[in-house]
Amino acid sequence: MTWRDALDERQRAEVEFSRVYATDFNHGPAEHDRLVLIDRLAGLLDAGNVQPATDRFVLDVPYHNQWELDAQKYRRDCGPACVETVGKFYHPTSAVTTDAIMTLITGGADRSIYIAELQDAAQFHFDVDLERHDGATWEDLKCWVMDEGRPVIVLGHYGSLRTRMDRNYTAGHYVVVVGFDRVRYQDEIVERAIIHDPDYYAGLHAQGAFIPLVKDHFMSFWDDCDQDRNPRLMALVPGGE
C-alpha cells in the first residue's frame, strides 16, 4: 500500500493543491509554511511531480522593503524602496534610505510617485540612469536581467498579484525583477520570473525577497497596469552609473 492509499479524497486533494501552490505561487501569505511542508513531505515520499529544471539565473540583489526601519515615514513608498534596492545593487555601501528618497521626491507628502520622479531620484542618489521602456516583453526582461545582469523595476496592478501579503491594497505597485528560472511540473516546463516585492511587513521582511511567479501570473500583474491608469508593460532598466 502506498501513502496515497492511506489518504481519503479530501486529503489527496490537499496534497495536490499544496504542490500546485509551491510550484505556482510559493511565498504567499496564507498558510504558507504548512502548504510548502505538505509539498515537501509528499515529494520525499514519491519524488513528487515538481522537479527543478537545470536553468536558474538570479542576480545577487539586496532586498529592501517599505516597512523597514529606514522606511517608516511613508506608506506609498514602494517605488522609492525599489530605487533603493536597485541603487544598492550598484552601490552596496550607500547609506541612502527609502525615507530619504521619498522625501526628496514629495517634500514630505505621502502620495503616489510618478515614473519620472523615480528616474530623477535614482540619478540623484545613486548616479544610476533608469531607462524607461513602454510595451516591454517577457523576452526583453529576460535579456536585461539574464544576459546583461541588470535588475529591472516594473509597475503592475497589485490586485492581480495573488501572492501579495497586503490584501487591502490592489492598485499600482512597483517590484524589482531579479531573476528567472524554470521548473518541471507534471511533465510540463513552467517559466517563472523572480521578484523582490517591497510590500512585506511585520516579521516577514525576508519573505518578500526572491518570490517566483509563473509567467502567466506575472504577465497578468504587469499587463493589468492600465486598470490603474498606468502604462502597460512599463520597465525601468538601469542603463549606467
Protein backbone atom coordinates (compact mmCIF):
# COMPACT_ATOMS: atom_id res chain seq x y z
CA MET A 1 0.00 0.00 0.00
CA THR A 2 1.33 3.44 -0.92
CA TRP A 3 0.97 6.57 1.21
CA ARG A 4 -1.75 7.77 -1.18
CA ASP A 5 -3.86 4.74 -0.35
CA ALA A 6 -3.85 5.81 3.30
CA LEU A 7 -5.45 9.19 2.48
CA ASP A 8 -9.05 9.97 1.74
CA GLU A 9 -10.10 12.00 -1.32
CA ARG A 10 -10.07 15.33 0.53
CA GLN A 11 -6.57 14.72 1.90
CA ARG A 12 -5.23 13.74 -1.52
CA ALA A 13 -6.76 16.92 -2.97
CA GLU A 14 -4.97 19.00 -0.34
CA VAL A 15 -1.65 17.39 -1.20
CA GLU A 16 -2.20 18.17 -4.87
CA PHE A 17 -3.17 21.75 -4.06
CA SER A 18 -0.05 22.15 -1.92
CA ARG A 19 2.11 21.01 -4.82
CA VAL A 20 0.49 23.46 -7.19
CA TYR A 21 0.90 26.18 -4.57
CA ALA A 22 4.59 25.50 -4.06
CA THR A 23 5.23 25.49 -7.80
CA ASP A 24 2.93 28.25 -9.00
CA PHE A 25 2.96 30.70 -6.12
CA ASN A 26 5.30 29.98 -3.19
CA HIS A 27 5.82 32.76 -0.65
CA GLY A 28 2.10 33.53 -0.43
CA PRO A 29 0.90 34.69 2.97
CA ALA A 30 -1.96 32.26 3.64
CA GLU A 31 -0.78 29.10 5.44
CA HIS A 32 2.49 29.32 3.55
CA ASP A 33 4.62 27.14 5.80
CA ARG A 34 2.02 24.38 6.13
CA LEU A 35 1.37 24.11 2.41
CA VAL A 36 5.04 24.10 1.48
CA LEU A 37 5.71 21.48 4.17
CA ILE A 38 2.98 19.21 2.74
CA ASP A 39 4.51 19.55 -0.71
CA ARG A 40 7.99 18.72 0.55
CA LEU A 41 6.81 15.69 2.54
CA ALA A 42 4.90 14.35 -0.46
CA GLY A 43 7.98 14.86 -2.58
CA LEU A 44 10.08 12.84 -0.13
CA LEU A 45 7.57 10.01 -0.29
CA ASP A 46 7.28 9.61 -4.05
CA ALA A 47 9.81 12.01 -5.62
CA GLY A 48 6.98 14.45 -6.39
CA ASN A 49 5.65 15.95 -9.59
CA VAL A 50 7.61 19.17 -9.21
CA GLN A 51 11.25 18.98 -10.15
CA PRO A 52 13.70 21.85 -10.53
CA ALA A 53 14.94 22.43 -14.05
CA THR A 54 18.60 22.85 -14.82
CA ASP A 55 18.46 26.56 -15.67
CA ARG A 56 18.10 29.19 -12.97
CA PHE A 57 19.55 32.69 -13.00
CA VAL A 58 19.19 35.09 -10.07
CA LEU A 59 21.09 38.32 -9.53
CA ASP A 60 22.51 38.91 -6.05
CA VAL A 61 20.32 41.96 -5.44
CA PRO A 62 19.90 43.18 -1.84
CA TYR A 63 16.29 43.25 -0.66
CA HIS A 64 14.75 46.43 0.76
CA ASN A 65 11.11 46.96 1.59
CA GLN A 66 8.78 49.77 2.51
CA TRP A 67 8.33 48.58 6.11
CA GLU A 68 11.97 48.59 7.22
CA LEU A 69 13.38 50.87 9.90
CA ASP A 70 14.60 53.26 7.21
CA ALA A 71 11.13 53.36 5.61
CA GLN A 72 8.81 54.39 8.42
CA LYS A 73 7.66 57.88 7.41
CA TYR A 74 5.50 56.95 4.44
CA ARG A 75 3.21 54.16 3.23
CA ARG A 76 3.08 54.87 -0.51
CA ASP A 77 6.80 54.34 -0.95
CA CYS A 78 7.09 51.08 -2.91
CA GLY A 79 8.76 52.94 -5.78
CA PRO A 80 11.44 54.55 -3.60
CA ALA A 81 12.06 51.16 -1.92
CA CYS A 82 12.67 49.69 -5.39
CA VAL A 83 15.04 52.56 -6.23
CA GLU A 84 16.96 51.81 -3.03
CA THR A 85 17.07 48.13 -3.99
CA VAL A 86 18.47 48.80 -7.45
CA GLY A 87 20.74 51.63 -6.27
CA LYS A 88 22.37 49.48 -3.61
CA PHE A 89 22.89 46.67 -6.09
CA TYR A 90 25.37 49.02 -7.75
CA HIS A 91 26.47 50.86 -4.60
CA PRO A 92 26.14 48.43 -1.68
CA THR A 93 27.85 50.74 0.83
CA SER A 94 25.46 53.63 0.22
CA ALA A 95 23.62 54.94 3.30
CA VAL A 96 20.66 56.33 1.31
CA THR A 97 17.30 55.24 2.75
CA THR A 98 13.82 54.75 1.36
CA ASP A 99 12.60 57.62 3.55
CA ALA A 100 15.30 59.92 2.15
CA ILE A 101 14.35 59.02 -1.43
CA MET A 102 10.66 59.59 -0.74
CA THR A 103 11.29 62.91 1.00
CA LEU A 104 13.38 64.14 -1.93
CA ILE A 105 10.54 63.31 -4.31
CA THR A 106 7.49 64.55 -2.39
CA GLY A 107 8.89 67.08 0.07
CA GLY A 108 7.21 65.18 2.91
CA ALA A 109 3.85 64.32 1.34
CA ASP A 110 2.69 60.70 1.36
CA ARG A 111 1.44 60.34 -2.21
CA SER A 112 1.78 58.19 -5.28
CA ILE A 113 5.04 58.52 -7.20
CA TYR A 114 5.43 59.26 -10.89
CA ILE A 115 7.81 57.23 -13.01
CA ALA A 116 9.91 60.27 -13.93
CA GLU A 117 10.34 61.05 -10.23
CA LEU A 118 11.86 57.63 -9.64
CA GLN A 119 14.23 58.20 -12.54
CA ASP A 120 15.31 61.55 -11.08
CA ALA A 121 15.79 60.06 -7.61
CA ALA A 122 17.93 57.17 -8.91
CA GLN A 123 20.12 59.64 -10.76
CA PHE A 124 20.41 62.00 -7.80
CA HIS A 125 21.09 59.45 -5.04
CA PHE A 126 22.95 56.70 -6.90
CA ASP A 127 24.04 58.19 -10.23
CA VAL A 128 22.05 55.39 -11.91
CA ASP A 129 20.21 56.15 -15.14
CA LEU A 130 16.88 54.30 -15.23
CA GLU A 131 15.87 53.95 -18.86
CA ARG A 132 12.11 53.80 -19.37
CA HIS A 133 10.71 51.18 -21.75
CA ASP A 134 6.98 51.01 -22.52
CA GLY A 135 5.43 47.93 -24.11
CA ALA A 136 8.30 45.70 -22.98
CA THR A 137 8.05 41.93 -23.28
CA TRP A 138 8.88 38.86 -21.23
CA GLU A 139 11.85 38.23 -23.51
CA ASP A 140 13.04 41.83 -23.00
CA LEU A 141 13.05 41.27 -19.24
CA LYS A 142 14.99 38.03 -19.60
CA CYS A 143 17.56 39.75 -21.78
CA TRP A 144 18.06 42.69 -19.39
CA VAL A 145 18.29 40.51 -16.30
CA MET A 146 19.95 37.32 -17.53
CA ASP A 147 22.10 38.50 -20.44
CA GLU A 148 23.01 41.97 -19.20
CA GLY A 149 22.87 41.45 -15.42
CA ARG A 150 20.56 44.40 -14.73
CA PRO A 151 17.73 44.27 -12.15
CA VAL A 152 14.58 45.84 -13.58
CA ILE A 153 11.85 47.85 -11.84
CA VAL A 154 8.37 47.14 -13.21
CA LEU A 155 5.00 48.70 -12.44
CA GLY A 156 1.99 46.40 -12.16
CA HIS A 157 -1.55 46.10 -10.84
CA TYR A 158 -1.21 44.72 -7.32
CA GLY A 159 -4.73 43.35 -7.30
CA SER A 160 -3.65 40.84 -9.94
CA LEU A 161 -0.76 39.57 -7.80
CA ARG A 162 -2.26 36.61 -5.98
CA THR A 163 0.78 36.14 -3.74
CA ARG A 164 0.65 39.64 -2.25
CA MET A 165 0.78 39.92 1.53
CA ASP A 166 -1.10 43.22 1.71
CA ARG A 167 -4.59 42.06 0.75
CA ASN A 168 -6.07 45.54 1.32
CA TYR A 169 -4.04 47.24 -1.41
CA THR A 170 -4.94 46.50 -5.04
CA ALA A 171 -3.73 49.50 -7.09
CA GLY A 172 -0.42 50.26 -8.83
CA HIS A 173 2.69 48.72 -7.32
CA TYR A 174 6.42 48.65 -8.12
CA VAL A 175 8.53 45.50 -7.80
CA VAL A 176 12.04 44.56 -8.93
CA VAL A 177 12.68 41.63 -11.28
CA VAL A 178 15.92 39.95 -10.17
CA GLY A 179 15.94 36.60 -11.96
CA PHE A 180 14.26 33.80 -13.87
CA ASP A 181 14.00 30.05 -13.60
CA ARG A 182 12.10 27.09 -14.97
CA VAL A 183 10.54 24.15 -13.14
CA ARG A 184 9.09 20.90 -14.40
CA TYR A 185 5.54 20.29 -13.26
CA GLN A 186 3.72 17.14 -14.39
CA ASP A 187 5.91 16.79 -17.50
CA GLU A 188 5.48 20.45 -18.45
CA ILE A 189 8.21 23.10 -18.25
CA VAL A 190 6.98 26.25 -16.48
CA GLU A 191 8.87 29.55 -16.71
CA ARG A 192 8.92 31.87 -13.73
CA ALA A 193 10.10 35.42 -13.01
CA ILE A 194 11.74 36.01 -9.63
CA ILE A 195 10.94 39.33 -7.96
CA HIS A 196 11.61 41.43 -4.89
CA ASP A 197 8.24 42.69 -3.62
CA PRO A 198 8.71 45.61 -1.17
CA ASP A 199 5.25 45.31 0.42
CA TYR A 200 6.02 42.69 3.09
CA TYR A 201 5.80 43.74 6.71
CA ALA A 202 5.98 42.73 10.39
CA GLY A 203 8.35 39.80 10.91
CA LEU A 204 8.08 38.69 7.29
CA HIS A 205 10.52 41.09 5.64
CA ALA A 206 12.63 38.36 4.06
CA GLN A 207 9.64 36.59 2.53
CA GLY A 208 9.26 39.47 0.10
CA ALA A 209 12.61 38.57 -1.47
CA PHE A 210 13.15 36.21 -4.42
CA ILE A 211 9.48 35.40 -4.97
CA PRO A 212 8.90 33.14 -8.01
CA LEU A 213 5.90 33.99 -10.20
CA VAL A 214 4.77 31.75 -13.03
CA LYS A 215 4.94 33.59 -16.36
CA ASP A 216 1.18 33.91 -16.87
CA HIS A 217 0.72 35.15 -13.30
CA PHE A 218 3.50 37.73 -13.65
CA MET A 219 2.25 38.91 -17.04
CA SER A 220 -1.26 39.46 -15.64
CA PHE A 221 0.19 41.63 -12.87
CA TRP A 222 2.31 43.58 -15.37
CA ASP A 223 -0.24 43.83 -18.17
CA ASP A 224 -3.20 44.84 -15.97
CA CYS A 225 -1.49 48.13 -15.10
CA ASP A 226 -3.95 50.10 -17.21
CA GLN A 227 -6.63 49.33 -14.61
CA ASP A 228 -4.89 52.00 -12.50
CA ARG A 229 -4.41 54.31 -15.50
CA ASN A 230 -0.73 53.44 -15.57
CA PRO A 231 1.30 52.50 -18.67
CA ARG A 232 1.14 48.82 -19.53
CA LEU A 233 4.28 46.70 -19.59
CA MET A 234 6.50 49.52 -18.34
CA ALA A 235 10.07 48.75 -17.23
CA LEU A 236 12.80 50.91 -15.70
CA VAL A 237 16.17 49.45 -16.70
CA PRO A 238 19.48 50.63 -15.23
CA GLY A 239 21.46 51.99 -18.13
CA GLY A 240 24.59 53.27 -16.42
CA GLU A 241 26.13 54.72 -13.31
